[in-house]
């Protein structure tokens, strides 16, 4: 789908909400994102280009929800939108684009001292996380104290390359990866994941407070 057809779809829905001038375009956002600007009669939409091959029915459903939200209504996206972006093939088609938009991302799972995929398999073997052959792992540079980034839609875990260090004990590294893997399957941040799973973390990796202190001492925010 090109921008002209995207605009036609949004324009047809916009008329129902009183918008005379509507434009829409695909944008190369790194993350899955939808943005809009509007006043009384005009609206402009910027849609993640990960949806540029979506069926028109999906884009119409998305447009209806977005326009309802511009009107102040709390409307959820229709199931067909969730089905499209939640399908495993969506990640397969778009993941390379997604990964290419991260500055400094690694080419694979092996760092200088750690292999993220091997560590994840270790968590799977211990029954701590669910096995998922669709999962992709990479290293990324971070400066904000985060453990990394996750994307449920792209089925991706990006681990801070500051954890790729011989000064980080194995149990501390596995704790960080467990927190990221759990974040990916929830709406919680690292702090909430760590706290809610403190008993599991303590049983699996060692004293909970000592693990958090070790991560904090290495410059991570938990």
C-alpha atoms as a PDB file:
ATOM      1  CA  UNK A   1       0.000   0.000   0.000  1.00  0.00           C
ATOM      2  CA  UNK A   2       1.330   3.445  -0.895  1.00  0.00           C
ATOM      3  CA  UNK A   3       0.715   6.787   0.800  1.00  0.00           C
ATOM      4  CA  UNK A   4      -1.983   7.862  -1.659  1.00  0.00           C
ATOM      5  CA  UNK A   5      -4.114   4.800  -0.919  1.00  0.00           C
ATOM      6  CA  UNK A   6      -3.446   5.165   2.801  1.00  0.00           C
ATOM      7  CA  UNK A   7      -4.682   8.755   2.627  1.00  0.00           C
ATOM      8  CA  UNK A   8      -7.820   7.676   0.757  1.00  0.00           C
ATOM      9  CA  UNK A   9      -8.662   5.198   3.515  1.00  0.00           C
ATOM     10  CA  UNK A  10      -8.116   7.715   6.315  1.00  0.00           C
ATOM     11  CA  UNK A  11      -9.924  10.444   4.400  1.00  0.00           C
ATOM     12  CA  UNK A  12     -13.021   8.277   3.948  1.00  0.00           C
ATOM     13  CA  UNK A  13     -13.169   7.542   7.680  1.00  0.00           C
ATOM     14  CA  UNK A  14     -12.334  11.140   8.604  1.00  0.00           C
ATOM     15  CA  UNK A  15     -15.401  12.529   6.845  1.00  0.00           C
ATOM     16  CA  UNK A  16     -17.597  10.682   9.375  1.00  0.00           C
ATOM     17  CA  UNK A  17     -15.867  12.643  12.131  1.00  0.00           C
ATOM     18  CA  UNK A  18     -16.146  16.037  10.415  1.00  0.00           C
ATOM     19  CA  UNK A  19     -12.612  16.305   9.024  1.00  0.00           C
ATOM     20  CA  UNK A  20     -12.414  18.027   5.623  1.00  0.00           C
ATOM     21  CA  UNK A  21      -8.663  17.830   5.123  1.00  0.00           C
ATOM     22  CA  UNK A  22      -6.974  14.518   5.970  1.00  0.00           C
ATOM     23  CA  UNK A  23      -3.534  13.226   5.011  1.00  0.00           C
ATOM     24  CA  UNK A  24      -1.729  10.042   5.994  1.00  0.00           C
ATOM     25  CA  UNK A  25       1.717   8.665   5.298  1.00  0.00           C
ATOM     26  CA  UNK A  26       3.934   5.772   6.265  1.00  0.00           C
ATOM     27  CA  UNK A  27       6.984   6.710   8.331  1.00  0.00           C
ATOM     28  CA  UNK A  28      10.148   4.757   9.092  1.00  0.00           C
ATOM     29  CA  UNK A  29       9.698   4.771  12.861  1.00  0.00           C
ATOM     30  CA  UNK A  30      12.061   2.469  14.706  1.00  0.00           C
ATOM     31  CA  UNK A  31       9.362   1.288  17.093  1.00  0.00           C
ATOM     32  CA  UNK A  32       5.818   0.350  16.186  1.00  0.00           C
ATOM     33  CA  UNK A  33       4.154   3.743  16.411  1.00  0.00           C
ATOM     34  CA  UNK A  34       1.172   5.739  15.170  1.00  0.00           C
ATOM     35  CA  UNK A  35       1.139   9.528  15.546  1.00  0.00           C
ATOM     36  CA  UNK A  36      -1.323  12.208  14.599  1.00  0.00           C
ATOM     37  CA  UNK A  37      -1.894  15.952  14.639  1.00  0.00           C
ATOM     38  CA  UNK A  38      -5.302  17.558  14.264  1.00  0.00           C
ATOM     39  CA  UNK A  39      -7.401  20.644  14.798  1.00  0.00           C
ATOM     40  CA  UNK A  40     -11.130  21.079  14.239  1.00  0.00           C
ATOM     41  CA  UNK A  41     -11.267  20.212  10.533  1.00  0.00           C
ATOM     42  CA  UNK A  42      -7.789  18.981   9.604  1.00  0.00           C
ATOM     43  CA  UNK A  43      -5.882  15.839  10.567  1.00  0.00           C
ATOM     44  CA  UNK A  44      -2.487  14.419   9.663  1.00  0.00           C
ATOM     45  CA  UNK A  45      -1.476  10.826  10.445  1.00  0.00           C
ATOM     46  CA  UNK A  46       1.944   9.222  10.514  1.00  0.00           C
ATOM     47  CA  UNK A  47       1.774   5.430  10.483  1.00  0.00           C
ATOM     48  CA  UNK A  48       4.598   2.980  11.079  1.00  0.00           C
ATOM     49  CA  UNK A  49       5.786   1.530   7.791  1.00  0.00           C
ATOM     50  CA  UNK A  50       5.665  -1.942   9.348  1.00  0.00           C
ATOM     51  CA  UNK A  51       2.001  -1.791   8.294  1.00  0.00           C
ATOM     52  CA  UNK A  52       2.619  -0.920   4.653  1.00  0.00           C
ATOM     53  CA  UNK A  53       1.588  -4.411   3.528  1.00  0.00           C
ATOM     54  CA  UNK A  54      -1.474  -4.705   5.770  1.00  0.00           C
ATOM     55  CA  UNK A  55      -4.829  -5.518   4.142  1.00  0.00           C
ATOM     56  CA  UNK A  56      -7.173  -2.588   3.612  1.00  0.00           C
ATOM     57  CA  UNK A  57      -9.616  -4.034   6.146  1.00  0.00           C
ATOM     58  CA  UNK A  58      -6.922  -3.848   8.812  1.00  0.00           C
ATOM     59  CA  UNK A  59      -6.057  -0.251   7.913  1.00  0.00           C
ATOM     60  CA  UNK A  60      -9.731   0.743   7.955  1.00  0.00           C
ATOM     61  CA  UNK A  61     -10.121  -0.766  11.405  1.00  0.00           C
ATOM     62  CA  UNK A  62      -7.030   1.073  12.575  1.00  0.00           C
ATOM     63  CA  UNK A  63      -8.258   4.353  11.073  1.00  0.00           C
ATOM     64  CA  UNK A  64     -11.666   4.024  12.748  1.00  0.00           C
ATOM     65  CA  UNK A  65     -10.027   3.556  16.134  1.00  0.00           C
ATOM     66  CA  UNK A  66      -7.588   6.433  15.704  1.00  0.00           C
ATOM     67  CA  UNK A  67     -10.308   8.856  14.626  1.00  0.00           C
ATOM     68  CA  UNK A  68     -12.471   7.774  17.564  1.00  0.00           C
ATOM     69  CA  UNK A  69      -9.558   8.562  19.860  1.00  0.00           C
ATOM     70  CA  UNK A  70      -9.101  12.016  18.338  1.00  0.00           C
ATOM     71  CA  UNK A  71     -12.721  12.580  19.368  1.00  0.00           C
ATOM     72  CA  UNK A  72     -11.881  11.609  22.941  1.00  0.00           C
ATOM     73  CA  UNK A  73     -13.419   8.151  22.891  1.00  0.00           C
ATOM     74  CA  UNK A  74     -11.642   5.234  24.541  1.00  0.00           C
ATOM     75  CA  UNK A  75     -11.898   2.792  21.667  1.00  0.00           C
ATOM     76  CA  UNK A  76      -9.825  -0.381  21.324  1.00  0.00           C
ATOM     77  CA  UNK A  77      -8.417  -1.544  18.002  1.00  0.00           C
ATOM     78  CA  UNK A  78     -10.560  -4.235  16.351  1.00  0.00           C
ATOM     79  CA  UNK A  79      -9.471  -7.832  16.698  1.00  0.00           C
ATOM     80  CA  UNK A  80      -8.330  -8.016  13.082  1.00  0.00           C
ATOM     81  CA  UNK A  81      -5.645  -5.402  13.829  1.00  0.00           C
ATOM     82  CA  UNK A  82      -4.359  -7.392  16.813  1.00  0.00           C
ATOM     83  CA  UNK A  83      -4.482 -10.592  14.771  1.00  0.00           C
ATOM     84  CA  UNK A  84      -2.403  -9.023  11.982  1.00  0.00           C
ATOM     85  CA  UNK A  85       0.367  -7.594  14.141  1.00  0.00           C
ATOM     86  CA  UNK A  86       0.346 -10.563  16.535  1.00  0.00           C
ATOM     87  CA  UNK A  87       0.812 -13.150  13.802  1.00  0.00           C
ATOM     88  CA  UNK A  88       4.270 -14.735  13.728  1.00  0.00           C
ATOM     89  CA  UNK A  89       4.633 -13.817  10.056  1.00  0.00           C
ATOM     90  CA  UNK A  90       4.381 -10.122  10.926  1.00  0.00           C
ATOM     91  CA  UNK A  91       7.584 -10.428  12.947  1.00  0.00           C
ATOM     92  CA  UNK A  92       9.249 -12.491  10.217  1.00  0.00           C
ATOM     93  CA  UNK A  93       8.485  -9.872   7.566  1.00  0.00           C
ATOM     94  CA  UNK A  94       9.477  -6.835   9.600  1.00  0.00           C
ATOM     95  CA  UNK A  95      12.142  -7.848  12.074  1.00  0.00           C
ATOM     96  CA  UNK A  96      15.174  -7.153   9.874  1.00  0.00           C
ATOM     97  CA  UNK A  97      13.861  -3.653   9.206  1.00  0.00           C
ATOM     98  CA  UNK A  98      13.333  -3.169  12.931  1.00  0.00           C
ATOM     99  CA  UNK A  99      16.816  -4.374  13.864  1.00  0.00           C
ATOM    100  CA  UNK A 100      18.480  -2.232  11.190  1.00  0.00           C
ATOM    101  CA  UNK A 101      17.068   0.899  12.836  1.00  0.00           C
ATOM    102  CA  UNK A 102      19.060   0.422  16.048  1.00  0.00           C
ATOM    103  CA  UNK A 103      22.388   2.230  16.117  1.00  0.00           C
ATOM    104  CA  UNK A 104      25.308   0.051  17.152  1.00  0.00           C
ATOM    105  CA  UNK A 105      23.322  -3.183  17.264  1.00  0.00           C
ATOM    106  CA  UNK A 106      25.306  -6.430  17.141  1.00  0.00           C
ATOM    107  CA  UNK A 107      25.248  -8.763  14.147  1.00  0.00           C
ATOM    108  CA  UNK A 108      24.471 -11.817  16.272  1.00  0.00           C
ATOM    109  CA  UNK A 109      23.916 -13.141  19.773  1.00  0.00           C
ATOM    110  CA  UNK A 110      27.575 -13.608  20.763  1.00  0.00           C
ATOM    111  CA  UNK A 111      29.331 -10.811  22.591  1.00  0.00           C
ATOM    112  CA  UNK A 112      32.905 -10.794  23.816  1.00  0.00           C
ATOM    113  CA  UNK A 113      32.084 -12.693  26.996  1.00  0.00           C
ATOM    114  CA  UNK A 114      28.438 -13.807  26.796  1.00  0.00           C
ATOM    115  CA  UNK A 115      26.082 -15.429  24.306  1.00  0.00           C
ATOM    116  CA  UNK A 116      22.522 -14.222  24.900  1.00  0.00           C
ATOM    117  CA  UNK A 117      20.884 -17.130  23.104  1.00  0.00           C
ATOM    118  CA  UNK A 118      22.838 -19.691  25.144  1.00  0.00           C
ATOM    119  CA  UNK A 119      21.869 -17.888  28.341  1.00  0.00           C
ATOM    120  CA  UNK A 120      18.206 -17.821  27.282  1.00  0.00           C
ATOM    121  CA  UNK A 121      18.307 -21.569  26.576  1.00  0.00           C
ATOM    122  CA  UNK A 122      19.663 -22.000  30.084  1.00  0.00           C
ATOM    123  CA  UNK A 123      16.606 -20.205  31.463  1.00  0.00           C
ATOM    124  CA  UNK A 124      14.340 -22.381  29.322  1.00  0.00           C
ATOM    125  CA  UNK A 125      16.017 -25.569  30.556  1.00  0.00           C
ATOM    126  CA  UNK A 126      15.394 -24.468  34.124  1.00  0.00           C
ATOM    127  CA  UNK A 127      11.717 -23.803  33.413  1.00  0.00           C
ATOM    128  CA  UNK A 128      12.048 -20.088  34.137  1.00  0.00           C
ATOM    129  CA  UNK A 129      10.903 -18.805  30.741  1.00  0.00           C
ATOM    130  CA  UNK A 130       8.899 -20.174  27.854  1.00  0.00           C
ATOM    131  CA  UNK A 131      10.757 -21.629  24.895  1.00  0.00           C
ATOM    132  CA  UNK A 132      10.213 -19.654  21.699  1.00  0.00           C
ATOM    133  CA  UNK A 133      12.128 -20.541  18.555  1.00  0.00           C
ATOM    134  CA  UNK A 134      10.860 -17.308  17.005  1.00  0.00           C
ATOM    135  CA  UNK A 135      12.793 -15.185  19.491  1.00  0.00           C
ATOM    136  CA  UNK A 136      15.678 -13.040  18.283  1.00  0.00           C
ATOM    137  CA  UNK A 137      18.462 -11.693  20.515  1.00  0.00           C
ATOM    138  CA  UNK A 138      20.984  -8.922  19.961  1.00  0.00           C
ATOM    139  CA  UNK A 139      23.275  -6.611  21.910  1.00  0.00           C
ATOM    140  CA  UNK A 140      22.763  -2.830  21.888  1.00  0.00           C
ATOM    141  CA  UNK A 141      24.734   0.018  23.443  1.00  0.00           C
ATOM    142  CA  UNK A 142      22.941   1.730  26.324  1.00  0.00           C
ATOM    143  CA  UNK A 143      23.805   4.794  28.377  1.00  0.00           C
ATOM    144  CA  UNK A 144      20.602   5.248  30.364  1.00  0.00           C
ATOM    145  CA  UNK A 145      21.077   2.490  32.926  1.00  0.00           C
ATOM    146  CA  UNK A 146      18.520   0.172  31.319  1.00  0.00           C
ATOM    147  CA  UNK A 147      19.071  -3.576  30.974  1.00  0.00           C
ATOM    148  CA  UNK A 148      18.073  -3.341  27.324  1.00  0.00           C
ATOM    149  CA  UNK A 149      14.918  -3.170  25.229  1.00  0.00           C
ATOM    150  CA  UNK A 150      12.221  -5.661  24.297  1.00  0.00           C
ATOM    151  CA  UNK A 151       9.602  -5.856  21.559  1.00  0.00           C
ATOM    152  CA  UNK A 152       6.684  -8.232  21.898  1.00  0.00           C
ATOM    153  CA  UNK A 153       5.537  -7.522  18.336  1.00  0.00           C
ATOM    154  CA  UNK A 154       8.970  -8.239  16.849  1.00  0.00           C
ATOM    155  CA  UNK A 155       9.659 -11.043  19.349  1.00  0.00           C
ATOM    156  CA  UNK A 156      13.013  -9.508  20.117  1.00  0.00           C
ATOM    157  CA  UNK A 157      15.163  -9.009  23.201  1.00  0.00           C
ATOM    158  CA  UNK A 158      17.964  -6.457  22.900  1.00  0.00           C
ATOM    159  CA  UNK A 159      20.419  -6.699  25.782  1.00  0.00           C
ATOM    160  CA  UNK A 160      22.628  -3.854  27.003  1.00  0.00           C
ATOM    161  CA  UNK A 161      26.203  -4.498  25.896  1.00  0.00           C
ATOM    162  CA  UNK A 162      27.303  -3.288  29.328  1.00  0.00           C
ATOM    163  CA  UNK A 163      26.183  -6.719  30.580  1.00  0.00           C
ATOM    164  CA  UNK A 164      28.709  -8.346  28.243  1.00  0.00           C
ATOM    165  CA  UNK A 165      31.462  -8.157  30.816  1.00  0.00           C
ATOM    166  CA  UNK A 166      33.570 -10.665  32.777  1.00  0.00           C
ATOM    167  CA  UNK A 167      32.901  -8.466  35.812  1.00  0.00           C
ATOM    168  CA  UNK A 168      29.202  -9.416  35.687  1.00  0.00           C
ATOM    169  CA  UNK A 169      28.763 -12.830  37.391  1.00  0.00           C
ATOM    170  CA  UNK A 170      26.732 -15.448  35.535  1.00  0.00           C
ATOM    171  CA  UNK A 171      23.872 -15.399  38.028  1.00  0.00           C
ATOM    172  CA  UNK A 172      23.621 -11.607  37.777  1.00  0.00           C
ATOM    173  CA  UNK A 173      23.602 -11.753  33.971  1.00  0.00           C
ATOM    174  CA  UNK A 174      20.934 -14.466  34.003  1.00  0.00           C
ATOM    175  CA  UNK A 175      18.858 -12.368  36.401  1.00  0.00           C
ATOM    176  CA  UNK A 176      18.995  -9.437  33.978  1.00  0.00           C
ATOM    177  CA  UNK A 177      18.012 -11.629  31.036  1.00  0.00           C
ATOM    178  CA  UNK A 178      15.171 -13.194  33.031  1.00  0.00           C
ATOM    179  CA  UNK A 179      13.833  -9.708  33.824  1.00  0.00           C
ATOM    180  CA  UNK A 180      13.994  -8.691  30.138  1.00  0.00           C
ATOM    181  CA  UNK A 181      12.308 -11.907  28.983  1.00  0.00           C
ATOM    182  CA  UNK A 182       9.512 -11.401  31.511  1.00  0.00           C
ATOM    183  CA  UNK A 183       9.124  -7.750  30.512  1.00  0.00           C
ATOM    184  CA  UNK A 184       8.598  -8.801  26.904  1.00  0.00           C
ATOM    185  CA  UNK A 185       5.506 -10.796  27.847  1.00  0.00           C
ATOM    186  CA  UNK A 186       3.998  -8.167  30.125  1.00  0.00           C
ATOM    187  CA  UNK A 187       3.270  -4.451  30.387  1.00  0.00           C
ATOM    188  CA  UNK A 188       5.590  -4.068  33.373  1.00  0.00           C
ATOM    189  CA  UNK A 189       8.898  -2.253  33.561  1.00  0.00           C
ATOM    190  CA  UNK A 190      12.090  -3.780  34.973  1.00  0.00           C
ATOM    191  CA  UNK A 191      11.442  -2.560  38.514  1.00  0.00           C
ATOM    192  CA  UNK A 192       7.963  -4.054  38.675  1.00  0.00           C
ATOM    193  CA  UNK A 193       9.041  -7.323  37.045  1.00  0.00           C
ATOM    194  CA  UNK A 194      11.902  -7.731  39.510  1.00  0.00           C
ATOM    195  CA  UNK A 195       9.714  -7.014  42.525  1.00  0.00           C
ATOM    196  CA  UNK A 196       6.773  -9.195  41.497  1.00  0.00           C
ATOM    197  CA  UNK A 197       9.093 -12.094  40.685  1.00  0.00           C
ATOM    198  CA  UNK A 198      11.468 -11.613  43.624  1.00  0.00           C
ATOM    199  CA  UNK A 199      10.784 -15.065  45.074  1.00  0.00           C
ATOM    200  CA  UNK A 200      11.458 -16.796  41.742  1.00  0.00           C
ATOM    201  CA  UNK A 201      14.593 -14.709  41.235  1.00  0.00           C
ATOM    202  CA  UNK A 202      15.802 -15.516  44.729  1.00  0.00           C
ATOM    203  CA  UNK A 203      15.293 -19.262  44.298  1.00  0.00           C
ATOM    204  CA  UNK A 204      16.861 -19.355  40.853  1.00  0.00           C
ATOM    205  CA  UNK A 205      19.823 -17.004  41.067  1.00  0.00           C
ATOM    206  CA  UNK A 206      20.646 -16.191  44.686  1.00  0.00           C
ATOM    207  CA  UNK A 207      19.679 -13.653  47.357  1.00  0.00           C
ATOM    208  CA  UNK A 208      17.342 -11.135  45.736  1.00  0.00           C
ATOM    209  CA  UNK A 209      18.740  -8.005  47.378  1.00  0.00           C
ATOM    210  CA  UNK A 210      22.328  -9.001  46.588  1.00  0.00           C
ATOM    211  CA  UNK A 211      21.450  -9.499  42.919  1.00  0.00           C
ATOM    212  CA  UNK A 212      19.782  -6.080  42.684  1.00  0.00           C
ATOM    213  CA  UNK A 213      22.726  -4.499  44.495  1.00  0.00           C
ATOM    214  CA  UNK A 214      25.098  -6.106  42.001  1.00  0.00           C
ATOM    215  CA  UNK A 215      23.114  -4.707  39.052  1.00  0.00           C
ATOM    216  CA  UNK A 216      22.917  -1.286  40.687  1.00  0.00           C
ATOM    217  CA  UNK A 217      26.649  -1.395  41.370  1.00  0.00           C
ATOM    218  CA  UNK A 218      27.234  -2.042  37.663  1.00  0.00           C
ATOM    219  CA  UNK A 219      25.236   1.077  36.822  1.00  0.00           C
ATOM    220  CA  UNK A 220      21.840  -0.426  36.035  1.00  0.00           C
ATOM    221  CA  UNK A 221      18.500   0.980  37.224  1.00  0.00           C
ATOM    222  CA  UNK A 222      16.199  -1.605  38.767  1.00  0.00           C
END
